[in-house]
N, C-alpha and C. Protein backbone atom coordinates (compact mmCIF):
# COMPACT_ATOMS: atom_id res chain seq x y z
N MET A 1 -19.62 -1.21 -7.32
CA MET A 1 -18.45 -1.43 -7.04
C MET A 1 -18.50 -2.53 -5.45
N LYS A 2 -17.89 -3.46 -5.99
CA LYS A 2 -17.54 -4.52 -4.88
C LYS A 2 -16.23 -4.50 -4.03
N ILE A 3 -15.91 -4.39 -2.71
CA ILE A 3 -14.81 -4.50 -1.82
C ILE A 3 -14.94 -5.82 -0.97
N ILE A 4 -14.02 -6.46 -0.68
CA ILE A 4 -14.21 -7.29 0.25
C ILE A 4 -12.96 -7.13 1.55
N ILE A 5 -13.33 -7.14 2.76
CA ILE A 5 -12.26 -7.03 3.95
C ILE A 5 -12.35 -8.47 4.62
N ALA A 6 -10.92 -8.96 4.50
CA ALA A 6 -10.82 -10.21 4.93
C ALA A 6 -9.83 -10.06 6.14
N ASP A 7 -10.41 -10.02 7.44
CA ASP A 7 -9.53 -9.85 8.65
C ASP A 7 -10.20 -10.91 9.96
N ASP A 8 -9.75 -11.28 10.74
CA ASP A 8 -10.02 -12.00 12.07
C ASP A 8 -10.71 -11.11 13.20
N HIS A 9 -10.35 -9.84 13.07
CA HIS A 9 -10.94 -8.66 14.27
C HIS A 9 -12.12 -8.24 13.98
N PRO A 10 -13.32 -8.40 14.28
CA PRO A 10 -14.49 -7.89 14.09
C PRO A 10 -14.59 -6.34 13.97
N LEU A 11 -13.71 -6.06 15.02
CA LEU A 11 -14.03 -4.22 15.31
C LEU A 11 -13.30 -3.77 14.15
N TYR A 12 -11.99 -4.23 13.85
CA TYR A 12 -11.20 -3.43 12.71
C TYR A 12 -11.73 -3.42 11.45
N ARG A 13 -12.58 -4.93 11.51
CA ARG A 13 -13.41 -4.98 10.16
C ARG A 13 -14.00 -3.96 9.79
N GLU A 14 -14.96 -3.89 11.07
CA GLU A 14 -16.42 -3.06 10.83
C GLU A 14 -15.65 -1.47 10.96
N ALA A 15 -14.74 -1.11 11.40
CA ALA A 15 -13.85 0.16 11.08
C ALA A 15 -13.69 0.43 9.95
N VAL A 16 -12.99 -0.65 9.21
CA VAL A 16 -12.69 -0.35 7.94
C VAL A 16 -13.59 -0.22 6.82
N SER A 17 -14.86 -1.09 7.12
CA SER A 17 -16.10 -1.17 6.27
C SER A 17 -16.41 0.26 6.19
N LEU A 18 -16.81 0.80 7.51
CA LEU A 18 -17.33 1.93 7.81
C LEU A 18 -16.41 3.47 7.00
N GLN A 19 -15.67 3.18 7.09
CA GLN A 19 -14.29 3.91 6.28
C GLN A 19 -14.62 3.96 4.60
N VAL A 20 -14.60 2.91 4.24
CA VAL A 20 -15.18 2.27 2.85
C VAL A 20 -16.28 3.14 2.53
N ARG A 21 -17.08 2.83 3.34
CA ARG A 21 -18.57 3.28 2.95
C ARG A 21 -18.74 4.88 2.90
N ARG A 22 -17.64 5.52 4.01
CA ARG A 22 -17.73 6.91 3.86
C ARG A 22 -17.33 7.52 2.61
N LEU A 23 -16.16 6.74 2.22
CA LEU A 23 -15.64 7.35 1.13
C LEU A 23 -16.28 6.97 -0.28
N TYR A 24 -17.10 5.78 -0.31
CA TYR A 24 -17.62 5.29 -1.57
C TYR A 24 -18.81 4.86 -0.94
N PRO A 25 -20.05 5.73 -0.75
CA PRO A 25 -21.35 5.37 -0.28
C PRO A 25 -22.12 4.39 -0.76
N GLN A 26 -21.80 4.17 -2.31
CA GLN A 26 -22.34 3.06 -3.14
C GLN A 26 -21.76 1.73 -3.12
N ALA A 27 -20.81 1.59 -2.49
CA ALA A 27 -19.79 0.47 -2.51
C ALA A 27 -20.79 -0.99 -1.94
N ASP A 28 -20.61 -1.81 -2.39
CA ASP A 28 -21.24 -3.13 -1.86
C ASP A 28 -19.93 -3.72 -0.92
N VAL A 29 -19.56 -3.53 0.42
CA VAL A 29 -18.67 -4.37 1.12
C VAL A 29 -19.08 -5.22 2.03
N ALA A 30 -18.24 -6.44 1.63
CA ALA A 30 -18.50 -7.48 2.21
C ALA A 30 -17.23 -7.81 3.75
N GLN A 31 -17.32 -8.70 4.45
CA GLN A 31 -16.48 -8.75 5.41
C GLN A 31 -16.62 -10.61 5.64
N VAL A 32 -15.09 -10.86 5.83
CA VAL A 32 -14.84 -12.33 5.95
C VAL A 32 -13.61 -12.26 7.30
N ALA A 33 -14.03 -13.28 7.77
CA ALA A 33 -12.80 -13.47 9.22
C ALA A 33 -11.52 -14.31 8.84
N CYS A 34 -11.61 -15.04 7.64
CA CYS A 34 -10.55 -16.15 7.62
C CYS A 34 -10.16 -16.54 6.02
N LEU A 35 -9.22 -17.20 5.99
CA LEU A 35 -9.07 -17.19 4.32
C LEU A 35 -10.21 -18.59 3.81
N ASP A 36 -10.60 -19.30 4.38
CA ASP A 36 -11.70 -20.04 3.97
C ASP A 36 -12.81 -19.31 3.62
N GLU A 37 -13.16 -18.46 4.45
CA GLU A 37 -14.44 -17.20 4.33
C GLU A 37 -14.27 -16.40 2.99
N LEU A 38 -13.04 -16.37 2.78
CA LEU A 38 -12.72 -15.28 1.78
C LEU A 38 -12.83 -16.17 0.33
N GLN A 39 -12.38 -17.13 0.34
CA GLN A 39 -12.23 -17.80 -0.74
C GLN A 39 -13.84 -18.64 -1.55
N ALA A 40 -14.35 -18.98 -0.27
CA ALA A 40 -16.26 -19.32 -0.19
C ALA A 40 -16.77 -17.55 -0.83
N ALA A 41 -16.67 -16.68 -0.44
CA ALA A 41 -17.34 -15.27 -0.84
C ALA A 41 -17.05 -15.05 -2.00
N ILE A 42 -15.48 -15.33 -2.55
CA ILE A 42 -15.32 -15.31 -4.04
C ILE A 42 -15.86 -15.88 -4.89
N ALA A 43 -15.91 -17.20 -4.40
CA ALA A 43 -16.60 -18.32 -5.41
C ALA A 43 -18.23 -18.09 -5.52
N GLU A 44 -18.68 -17.58 -4.33
CA GLU A 44 -20.20 -17.38 -4.58
C GLU A 44 -20.77 -16.09 -4.98
N SER A 45 -19.70 -15.06 -5.13
CA SER A 45 -19.88 -13.55 -5.68
C SER A 45 -20.49 -13.93 -7.04
N SER A 46 -21.49 -13.18 -7.58
CA SER A 46 -21.99 -13.10 -9.17
C SER A 46 -21.40 -12.08 -9.57
N GLU A 47 -20.81 -11.29 -8.97
CA GLU A 47 -19.67 -10.22 -9.76
C GLU A 47 -18.41 -10.07 -9.37
N PRO A 48 -17.12 -9.73 -9.89
CA PRO A 48 -15.97 -9.81 -9.17
C PRO A 48 -15.64 -8.64 -8.43
N TYR A 49 -14.77 -8.96 -7.45
CA TYR A 49 -14.64 -7.75 -6.68
C TYR A 49 -13.76 -6.89 -6.97
N CYS A 50 -13.64 -5.62 -6.75
CA CYS A 50 -12.54 -4.95 -7.46
C CYS A 50 -11.50 -4.39 -6.61
N LEU A 51 -11.51 -4.87 -5.21
CA LEU A 51 -10.61 -4.55 -4.54
C LEU A 51 -10.60 -5.57 -3.04
N MET A 52 -9.69 -6.26 -2.71
CA MET A 52 -9.68 -7.37 -1.64
C MET A 52 -8.47 -6.62 -0.44
N LEU A 53 -9.17 -6.39 0.72
CA LEU A 53 -8.17 -5.87 1.77
C LEU A 53 -8.29 -7.24 2.51
N VAL A 54 -6.61 -7.53 2.59
CA VAL A 54 -6.82 -8.84 3.25
C VAL A 54 -5.55 -8.82 4.46
N ASP A 55 -6.05 -9.40 5.57
CA ASP A 55 -4.96 -9.50 6.51
C ASP A 55 -4.14 -10.49 6.33
N PHE A 56 -2.78 -9.95 6.90
CA PHE A 56 -1.58 -10.90 6.48
C PHE A 56 -1.70 -12.04 7.67
N HIS A 57 -2.23 -12.09 8.90
CA HIS A 57 -2.13 -12.83 9.71
C HIS A 57 -3.26 -13.59 10.03
N MET A 58 -4.33 -13.39 9.45
CA MET A 58 -5.80 -13.90 9.69
C MET A 58 -5.34 -15.59 9.57
N PRO A 59 -6.61 -16.41 10.02
CA PRO A 59 -6.23 -17.94 10.15
C PRO A 59 -6.40 -18.36 8.37
N GLY A 60 -5.34 -19.06 8.46
CA GLY A 60 -5.26 -19.75 7.27
C GLY A 60 -4.38 -18.71 6.19
N MET A 61 -4.31 -17.93 6.62
CA MET A 61 -3.35 -16.99 5.66
C MET A 61 -2.07 -17.16 5.85
N SER A 62 -1.07 -17.53 4.50
CA SER A 62 0.17 -17.78 4.23
C SER A 62 0.79 -16.70 3.28
N LEU A 63 2.24 -16.64 3.20
CA LEU A 63 2.70 -16.32 1.92
C LEU A 63 2.33 -16.84 0.83
N GLU A 64 2.11 -18.02 1.07
CA GLU A 64 1.63 -19.30 -0.15
C GLU A 64 0.44 -18.87 -0.70
N ALA A 65 -0.76 -18.78 0.14
CA ALA A 65 -1.81 -18.67 -0.09
C ALA A 65 -2.09 -17.26 -0.58
N LEU A 66 -1.54 -16.44 0.15
CA LEU A 66 -1.41 -14.95 -0.63
C LEU A 66 -1.21 -14.73 -1.89
N THR A 67 -0.37 -15.56 -2.28
CA THR A 67 0.81 -15.45 -3.43
C THR A 67 -0.22 -16.32 -4.50
N ALA A 68 -0.77 -17.42 -3.97
CA ALA A 68 -2.08 -18.10 -5.02
C ALA A 68 -3.08 -17.42 -5.06
N LEU A 69 -3.65 -16.45 -4.33
CA LEU A 69 -4.77 -15.58 -4.25
C LEU A 69 -4.59 -14.34 -5.33
N ILE A 70 -3.26 -13.92 -5.33
CA ILE A 70 -3.26 -12.96 -6.42
C ILE A 70 -2.85 -13.27 -7.60
N ASN A 71 -2.16 -14.76 -7.89
CA ASN A 71 -2.01 -15.08 -8.97
C ASN A 71 -3.68 -15.38 -9.81
N ALA A 72 -4.59 -15.99 -8.72
CA ALA A 72 -5.76 -16.43 -9.16
C ALA A 72 -6.75 -15.34 -9.98
N PHE A 73 -6.41 -14.26 -9.08
CA PHE A 73 -6.93 -12.94 -9.61
C PHE A 73 -5.92 -11.76 -10.13
N PRO A 74 -5.26 -11.82 -11.06
CA PRO A 74 -4.22 -10.71 -11.06
C PRO A 74 -4.91 -9.49 -11.84
N SER A 75 -6.23 -9.33 -11.96
CA SER A 75 -6.82 -7.90 -12.14
C SER A 75 -7.30 -7.66 -11.01
N VAL A 76 -7.54 -7.81 -9.85
CA VAL A 76 -8.05 -7.39 -8.69
C VAL A 76 -6.69 -6.87 -7.78
N PRO A 77 -7.01 -5.65 -7.51
CA PRO A 77 -5.75 -5.34 -6.52
C PRO A 77 -6.10 -5.88 -4.96
N VAL A 78 -4.89 -6.30 -4.62
CA VAL A 78 -5.08 -6.91 -3.72
C VAL A 78 -4.07 -6.36 -2.45
N ALA A 79 -4.78 -5.66 -1.22
CA ALA A 79 -3.90 -4.80 -0.33
C ALA A 79 -3.86 -5.63 1.02
N VAL A 80 -2.46 -5.62 1.43
CA VAL A 80 -2.22 -6.19 2.79
C VAL A 80 -2.52 -5.42 3.71
N ILE A 81 -3.54 -5.64 4.82
CA ILE A 81 -3.42 -5.24 6.02
C ILE A 81 -2.74 -5.84 7.28
N SER A 82 -2.37 -5.23 8.12
CA SER A 82 -1.41 -5.96 9.15
C SER A 82 -1.17 -5.04 10.52
N GLY A 83 -1.19 -5.55 11.48
CA GLY A 83 -1.01 -5.22 12.81
C GLY A 83 0.40 -4.90 12.71
N MET A 84 1.43 -5.61 12.13
CA MET A 84 2.71 -5.48 12.12
C MET A 84 3.35 -5.01 10.72
N ALA A 85 4.16 -3.85 10.86
CA ALA A 85 4.78 -3.52 9.89
C ALA A 85 6.07 -3.73 9.45
N ARG A 86 6.61 -5.08 9.76
CA ARG A 86 8.22 -5.09 9.45
C ARG A 86 8.24 -5.16 8.17
N PRO A 87 9.76 -4.52 8.07
CA PRO A 87 10.36 -4.51 6.59
C PRO A 87 9.96 -6.03 5.96
N SER A 88 10.49 -7.24 6.53
CA SER A 88 10.46 -8.42 5.91
C SER A 88 8.76 -8.72 5.77
N ASP A 89 8.12 -8.46 6.28
CA ASP A 89 6.43 -8.44 5.72
C ASP A 89 6.16 -7.83 4.85
N ILE A 90 6.60 -6.50 4.80
CA ILE A 90 6.42 -5.76 3.36
C ILE A 90 6.94 -6.12 2.08
N ARG A 91 8.25 -6.63 2.52
CA ARG A 91 8.87 -7.29 1.12
C ARG A 91 8.14 -8.13 0.63
N ALA A 92 7.85 -9.51 1.59
CA ALA A 92 7.09 -10.56 1.40
C ALA A 92 5.96 -10.26 0.51
N ALA A 93 4.93 -9.36 0.88
CA ALA A 93 3.87 -9.30 0.57
C ALA A 93 3.98 -8.75 -1.22
N VAL A 94 4.87 -7.58 -1.42
CA VAL A 94 5.03 -6.75 -2.30
C VAL A 94 5.63 -7.85 -3.55
N GLU A 95 6.72 -8.82 -3.12
CA GLU A 95 6.67 -10.03 -3.76
C GLU A 95 5.96 -10.92 -4.45
N ALA A 96 4.94 -11.03 -3.24
CA ALA A 96 3.92 -11.94 -3.65
C ALA A 96 3.00 -11.51 -4.81
N GLY A 97 3.15 -9.94 -5.10
CA GLY A 97 2.14 -9.48 -5.92
C GLY A 97 1.23 -8.43 -5.27
N ALA A 98 1.14 -7.99 -4.10
CA ALA A 98 0.06 -7.32 -3.21
C ALA A 98 0.34 -5.83 -3.76
N ARG A 99 -0.74 -5.33 -3.96
CA ARG A 99 -0.50 -3.63 -4.63
C ARG A 99 -0.41 -2.73 -3.60
N ALA A 100 -0.46 -3.00 -2.33
CA ALA A 100 -0.54 -2.12 -1.23
C ALA A 100 -0.58 -3.05 0.07
N TYR A 101 0.50 -2.47 1.06
CA TYR A 101 0.68 -2.97 2.47
C TYR A 101 0.28 -1.82 3.36
N ILE A 102 -0.95 -1.64 4.31
CA ILE A 102 -1.40 -0.83 4.99
C ILE A 102 -1.48 -1.31 6.49
N PRO A 103 -0.48 -0.67 7.18
CA PRO A 103 -0.33 -0.77 8.36
C PRO A 103 -1.57 -0.53 9.33
N LYS A 104 -1.97 -1.53 10.23
CA LYS A 104 -3.49 -1.09 10.83
C LYS A 104 -3.32 0.08 11.94
N THR A 105 -2.12 0.87 11.99
CA THR A 105 -1.89 2.09 12.81
C THR A 105 -1.86 3.13 11.75
N SER A 106 -2.29 3.05 10.73
CA SER A 106 -2.47 4.44 9.61
C SER A 106 -3.27 5.10 10.04
N THR A 107 -3.19 6.22 9.83
CA THR A 107 -4.29 7.29 9.84
C THR A 107 -5.65 6.77 9.05
N PRO A 108 -6.92 7.71 9.24
CA PRO A 108 -7.78 7.23 8.06
C PRO A 108 -7.48 8.11 6.90
N GLU A 109 -6.75 9.16 6.92
CA GLU A 109 -6.44 9.97 5.63
C GLU A 109 -5.48 9.13 5.02
N TYR A 110 -4.44 8.80 5.35
CA TYR A 110 -3.55 7.76 5.05
C TYR A 110 -4.28 6.49 4.04
N PHE A 111 -5.35 5.82 5.03
CA PHE A 111 -6.04 4.93 4.31
C PHE A 111 -6.80 5.53 3.07
N ALA A 112 -7.48 6.55 3.32
CA ALA A 112 -7.95 7.27 2.12
C ALA A 112 -7.02 7.29 1.03
N GLN A 113 -5.91 7.83 1.10
CA GLN A 113 -5.34 7.98 -0.07
C GLN A 113 -4.84 6.73 -0.66
N VAL A 114 -4.56 5.66 0.22
CA VAL A 114 -4.21 4.14 -0.34
C VAL A 114 -5.37 3.82 -0.97
N LEU A 115 -6.62 3.61 -0.42
CA LEU A 115 -7.90 3.38 -1.36
C LEU A 115 -7.99 3.96 -2.56
N GLN A 116 -7.85 5.25 -2.70
CA GLN A 116 -8.13 5.89 -3.76
C GLN A 116 -7.37 5.60 -4.86
N MET A 117 -5.85 5.38 -4.43
CA MET A 117 -4.73 4.97 -5.65
C MET A 117 -4.85 3.59 -5.84
N LEU A 118 -5.24 2.83 -5.25
CA LEU A 118 -5.69 1.17 -5.64
C LEU A 118 -6.79 1.30 -6.53
N LEU A 119 -7.72 1.92 -6.35
CA LEU A 119 -8.90 2.09 -7.40
C LEU A 119 -8.61 2.57 -8.58
N ALA A 120 -7.65 3.45 -8.49
CA ALA A 120 -7.07 4.14 -9.85
C ALA A 120 -6.12 3.47 -10.37
N GLY A 121 -5.89 2.29 -9.75
CA GLY A 121 -4.70 1.09 -10.59
C GLY A 121 -3.35 1.59 -10.28
N GLY A 122 -3.10 2.11 -9.05
CA GLY A 122 -1.90 2.43 -8.29
C GLY A 122 -1.47 1.44 -7.41
N THR A 123 -0.09 1.84 -6.79
CA THR A 123 0.18 0.97 -6.01
C THR A 123 0.74 1.91 -4.45
N SER A 124 0.97 1.12 -3.28
CA SER A 124 1.14 1.92 -2.35
C SER A 124 2.29 1.01 -1.37
N VAL A 125 2.96 1.62 -0.54
CA VAL A 125 3.77 1.03 0.46
C VAL A 125 4.26 1.81 1.28
N PRO A 126 4.37 1.64 2.71
CA PRO A 126 5.40 2.34 3.60
C PRO A 126 6.62 2.45 3.12
N ALA A 127 6.93 3.74 2.30
CA ALA A 127 7.86 3.86 1.63
C ALA A 127 9.22 3.74 2.73
N ASP A 128 9.02 4.67 3.64
CA ASP A 128 10.22 5.07 4.62
C ASP A 128 10.31 3.74 5.40
N LEU A 129 9.49 2.44 5.68
CA LEU A 129 10.11 1.62 6.42
C LEU A 129 10.98 0.76 5.28
N LEU A 130 10.58 0.53 4.25
CA LEU A 130 11.34 -0.25 3.22
C LEU A 130 12.97 0.30 3.21
N LEU A 131 12.72 1.84 2.92
CA LEU A 131 14.35 2.67 3.24
C LEU A 131 14.78 2.05 4.15
N GLU A 132 14.42 1.99 5.44
CA GLU A 132 14.96 1.66 6.46
C GLU A 132 15.82 0.12 6.59
N GLU A 133 15.09 -0.79 5.93
CA GLU A 133 15.65 -1.75 5.65
C GLU A 133 16.54 -2.00 4.44
N ARG A 134 16.55 -1.15 3.76
CA ARG A 134 17.54 -1.27 2.85
C ARG A 134 19.06 -0.39 3.48
N ALA A 135 18.81 0.69 3.93
CA ALA A 135 19.96 1.25 4.73
C ALA A 135 20.66 0.31 5.71
N ALA A 136 19.69 -0.47 6.45
CA ALA A 136 20.36 -1.58 7.51
C ALA A 136 20.97 -2.74 6.54
N GLN A 137 20.70 -2.88 5.16
CA GLN A 137 21.33 -3.92 4.67
C GLN A 137 22.81 -3.28 3.86
N GLY A 138 22.65 -2.13 4.28
CA GLY A 138 24.25 -1.14 3.72
C GLY A 138 23.72 -0.81 2.22
N GLY A 139 22.67 -0.77 1.63
CA GLY A 139 22.70 -0.51 -0.08
C GLY A 139 21.88 0.92 0.17
N GLY A 140 21.55 1.29 1.28
CA GLY A 140 20.78 2.67 1.48
C GLY A 140 20.89 3.89 0.61
N TRP A 141 20.33 4.70 0.26
CA TRP A 141 20.52 5.92 -0.33
C TRP A 141 20.94 7.08 1.07
N GLU A 142 21.74 7.80 0.70
CA GLU A 142 21.94 8.77 1.83
C GLU A 142 21.12 9.93 1.58
N LEU A 143 19.82 9.77 2.30
CA LEU A 143 19.03 10.60 2.15
C LEU A 143 18.35 11.73 3.51
N SER A 144 18.36 12.72 3.25
CA SER A 144 17.57 13.76 4.57
C SER A 144 16.31 13.14 4.93
N ALA A 145 16.30 13.81 6.08
CA ALA A 145 14.86 13.30 6.85
C ALA A 145 13.77 14.02 5.98
N ARG A 146 14.21 15.31 5.40
CA ARG A 146 13.36 16.09 4.10
C ARG A 146 13.19 15.11 3.06
N GLU A 147 14.10 14.87 2.32
CA GLU A 147 14.10 13.79 1.22
C GLU A 147 13.23 12.51 1.23
N ARG A 148 13.61 12.22 2.43
CA ARG A 148 12.43 10.74 2.67
C ARG A 148 11.03 11.23 2.90
N GLU A 149 10.91 12.28 3.37
CA GLU A 149 9.27 12.89 3.37
C GLU A 149 8.78 13.24 1.89
N VAL A 150 9.42 13.89 0.99
CA VAL A 150 9.25 13.84 0.02
C VAL A 150 9.47 12.74 -0.87
N LEU A 151 10.22 11.86 -0.82
CA LEU A 151 10.12 10.39 -1.38
C LEU A 151 9.08 9.88 -1.13
N LYS A 152 8.42 9.75 -0.16
CA LYS A 152 7.19 8.77 0.54
C LYS A 152 5.91 9.45 -0.19
N GLY A 153 6.28 10.84 -0.50
CA GLY A 153 5.04 11.63 -1.08
C GLY A 153 4.81 11.36 -2.68
N VAL A 154 6.01 10.83 -3.28
CA VAL A 154 6.04 10.41 -4.24
C VAL A 154 5.59 8.92 -4.75
N ALA A 155 6.02 7.93 -3.54
CA ALA A 155 5.53 6.68 -3.88
C ALA A 155 4.27 6.65 -3.42
N MET A 156 3.49 7.68 -2.78
CA MET A 156 2.06 7.75 -2.58
C MET A 156 1.37 8.22 -3.54
N GLY A 157 2.11 8.54 -4.96
CA GLY A 157 1.42 9.04 -6.01
C GLY A 157 0.73 10.83 -5.80
N GLN A 158 1.35 11.37 -5.17
CA GLN A 158 1.23 12.65 -4.68
C GLN A 158 1.76 13.61 -5.73
N SER A 159 1.16 14.40 -6.14
CA SER A 159 1.80 15.62 -7.02
C SER A 159 2.67 16.59 -6.13
N ASN A 160 3.49 17.25 -6.98
CA ASN A 160 4.62 18.46 -6.01
C ASN A 160 3.70 19.35 -5.34
N LYS A 161 2.69 19.81 -5.91
CA LYS A 161 1.68 20.69 -4.87
C LYS A 161 1.19 19.98 -3.78
N GLU A 162 0.69 18.59 -3.77
CA GLU A 162 0.30 18.10 -2.79
C GLU A 162 1.34 17.83 -1.45
N ILE A 163 2.42 17.50 -2.12
CA ILE A 163 3.68 17.25 -1.19
C ILE A 163 3.93 18.58 -0.37
N GLY A 164 4.03 19.52 -1.31
CA GLY A 164 4.40 20.53 -0.58
C GLY A 164 3.26 21.17 0.41
N ARG A 165 2.08 20.91 0.23
CA ARG A 165 0.84 21.35 1.07
C ARG A 165 1.16 20.48 2.33
N ASP A 166 1.52 19.17 2.45
CA ASP A 166 1.52 18.47 3.71
C ASP A 166 2.67 18.54 4.25
N LEU A 167 3.85 19.18 3.48
CA LEU A 167 4.90 19.39 4.37
C LEU A 167 5.41 20.78 4.64
N GLY A 168 4.02 21.73 4.18
CA GLY A 168 4.52 23.34 4.23
C GLY A 168 5.86 23.83 3.76
N LEU A 169 5.69 23.30 2.33
CA LEU A 169 7.07 23.73 1.73
C LEU A 169 6.34 24.44 0.45
N ALA A 170 7.34 24.94 -0.21
CA ALA A 170 6.66 25.89 -1.58
C ALA A 170 7.09 24.69 -2.47
N GLU A 171 6.10 24.42 -3.60
CA GLU A 171 6.31 23.65 -4.72
C GLU A 171 7.45 23.86 -5.43
N VAL A 172 8.33 24.74 -5.31
CA VAL A 172 9.87 24.89 -6.29
C VAL A 172 10.60 24.28 -5.23
N THR A 173 10.22 24.11 -3.97
CA THR A 173 11.25 23.54 -2.93
C THR A 173 11.25 21.89 -3.25
N ILE A 174 9.93 21.40 -3.24
CA ILE A 174 9.82 20.16 -3.51
C ILE A 174 10.41 19.63 -4.93
N LYS A 175 10.45 20.60 -5.88
CA LYS A 175 11.14 20.18 -7.12
C LYS A 175 12.65 20.06 -6.84
N LEU A 176 13.24 20.75 -5.96
CA LEU A 176 14.73 21.02 -5.58
C LEU A 176 15.12 19.61 -5.20
N HIS A 177 14.07 19.13 -4.25
CA HIS A 177 14.38 18.00 -3.57
C HIS A 177 14.49 16.71 -4.35
N LEU A 178 13.34 16.97 -5.36
CA LEU A 178 13.34 15.67 -6.36
C LEU A 178 14.55 15.80 -7.09
N ARG A 179 15.18 16.79 -7.76
CA ARG A 179 16.14 16.58 -8.34
C ARG A 179 17.34 16.14 -7.65
N ASN A 180 17.47 16.37 -6.16
CA ASN A 180 18.40 15.62 -5.36
C ASN A 180 18.05 14.28 -5.30
N LEU A 181 16.87 13.79 -5.28
CA LEU A 181 16.62 12.37 -5.09
C LEU A 181 16.82 11.66 -6.38
N PHE A 182 16.54 12.31 -7.52
CA PHE A 182 16.98 11.67 -8.79
C PHE A 182 18.88 11.47 -8.60
N ARG A 183 18.96 12.35 -8.56
CA ARG A 183 21.14 12.42 -8.25
C ARG A 183 21.56 11.14 -7.41
N LYS A 184 20.74 10.84 -6.11
CA LYS A 184 21.27 10.10 -5.37
C LYS A 184 20.92 9.01 -5.56
N MET A 185 19.50 8.69 -5.94
CA MET A 185 19.17 7.70 -6.48
C MET A 185 19.14 6.73 -7.80
N GLY A 186 19.99 7.53 -8.58
CA GLY A 186 20.44 7.32 -9.75
C GLY A 186 19.24 7.29 -10.79
N ALA A 187 17.97 8.12 -10.57
CA ALA A 187 17.09 7.92 -11.55
C ALA A 187 16.79 8.70 -12.50
N LYS A 188 16.19 8.77 -13.56
CA LYS A 188 15.87 9.61 -14.48
C LYS A 188 14.63 10.32 -14.80
N SER A 189 13.71 9.66 -14.08
CA SER A 189 12.37 10.49 -14.09
C SER A 189 11.43 9.74 -12.55
N ARG A 190 10.37 10.96 -12.73
CA ARG A 190 9.62 10.69 -11.41
C ARG A 190 9.07 9.42 -11.12
N ALA A 191 8.70 8.65 -12.49
CA ALA A 191 8.06 7.25 -12.34
C ALA A 191 9.15 6.19 -11.78
N GLU A 192 10.34 6.46 -12.17
CA GLU A 192 11.41 5.79 -11.76
C GLU A 192 11.72 5.64 -10.19
N VAL A 193 11.88 6.96 -9.71
CA VAL A 193 11.82 7.30 -8.44
C VAL A 193 10.80 6.27 -7.51
N ALA A 194 9.39 6.57 -8.01
CA ALA A 194 8.22 5.94 -7.32
C ALA A 194 8.57 4.27 -7.35
N VAL A 195 9.03 4.04 -8.44
CA VAL A 195 9.13 2.45 -8.69
C VAL A 195 10.51 2.12 -7.57
N MET A 196 11.47 2.71 -7.70
CA MET A 196 12.46 2.63 -6.79
C MET A 196 12.06 2.69 -5.28
N ALA A 197 11.22 3.70 -5.16
CA ALA A 197 10.76 3.71 -3.63
C ALA A 197 9.85 2.55 -3.28
N VAL A 198 8.83 2.09 -4.20
CA VAL A 198 7.86 0.94 -3.76
C VAL A 198 8.90 -0.57 -3.62
N ARG A 199 10.00 -0.44 -4.45
CA ARG A 199 11.02 -1.49 -4.47
C ARG A 199 12.15 -1.21 -3.53
N ALA A 200 12.31 -0.50 -2.83
CA ALA A 200 13.40 -0.36 -1.81
C ALA A 200 13.77 -1.25 -1.21
N GLY A 201 14.96 -1.95 -0.98
CA GLY A 201 15.46 -2.96 -0.49
C GLY A 201 14.75 -4.64 -0.88
N LEU A 202 14.17 -4.57 -1.89
CA LEU A 202 13.99 -5.94 -2.57
C LEU A 202 14.67 -6.47 -3.21
N GLU A 203 15.58 -5.60 -4.26
CA GLU A 203 16.60 -5.92 -4.99
C GLU A 203 17.59 -6.86 -4.57
């Protein structure tokens, strides 16, 4: 398993590398500090990377460069990491094809969940932030705070049991919240709710 971390802050880069190695002891983790180094590392690697963690604001990076990187390696999940979690940045990253957006303020538990989802072929973005933007644009769903928490769990790929455990609620209560989410969001399935959460505010 080859993973590359591209970020111009060496302490953060090392912290992420240590966390990745704790989760996947056999992983081959590379570190680079800018877009040029990232491109060189990719070109020089004898094996393709299975995951790229890329700082949205490192030297050389731009929306155009991110889009080109993702288009050049469509089978490799790219996760954007950033010290800023502005809805506009999240939207831009998702539209460029990023599979995840990870704020640098994320907890180790959240980071671990996102990493596991990405390596399993899933996607993850901070659904609550996207929902805030959608609401600000006047197209938001009228969701309660608890429904937002449940929606965030769905967007992260959690099961009803896992969401219930995190929120201290019974699984049957989570099912009731999901039924309300289906009705309010006009969705017909859990998968559709998850996709709508990821794309909230993007349409």
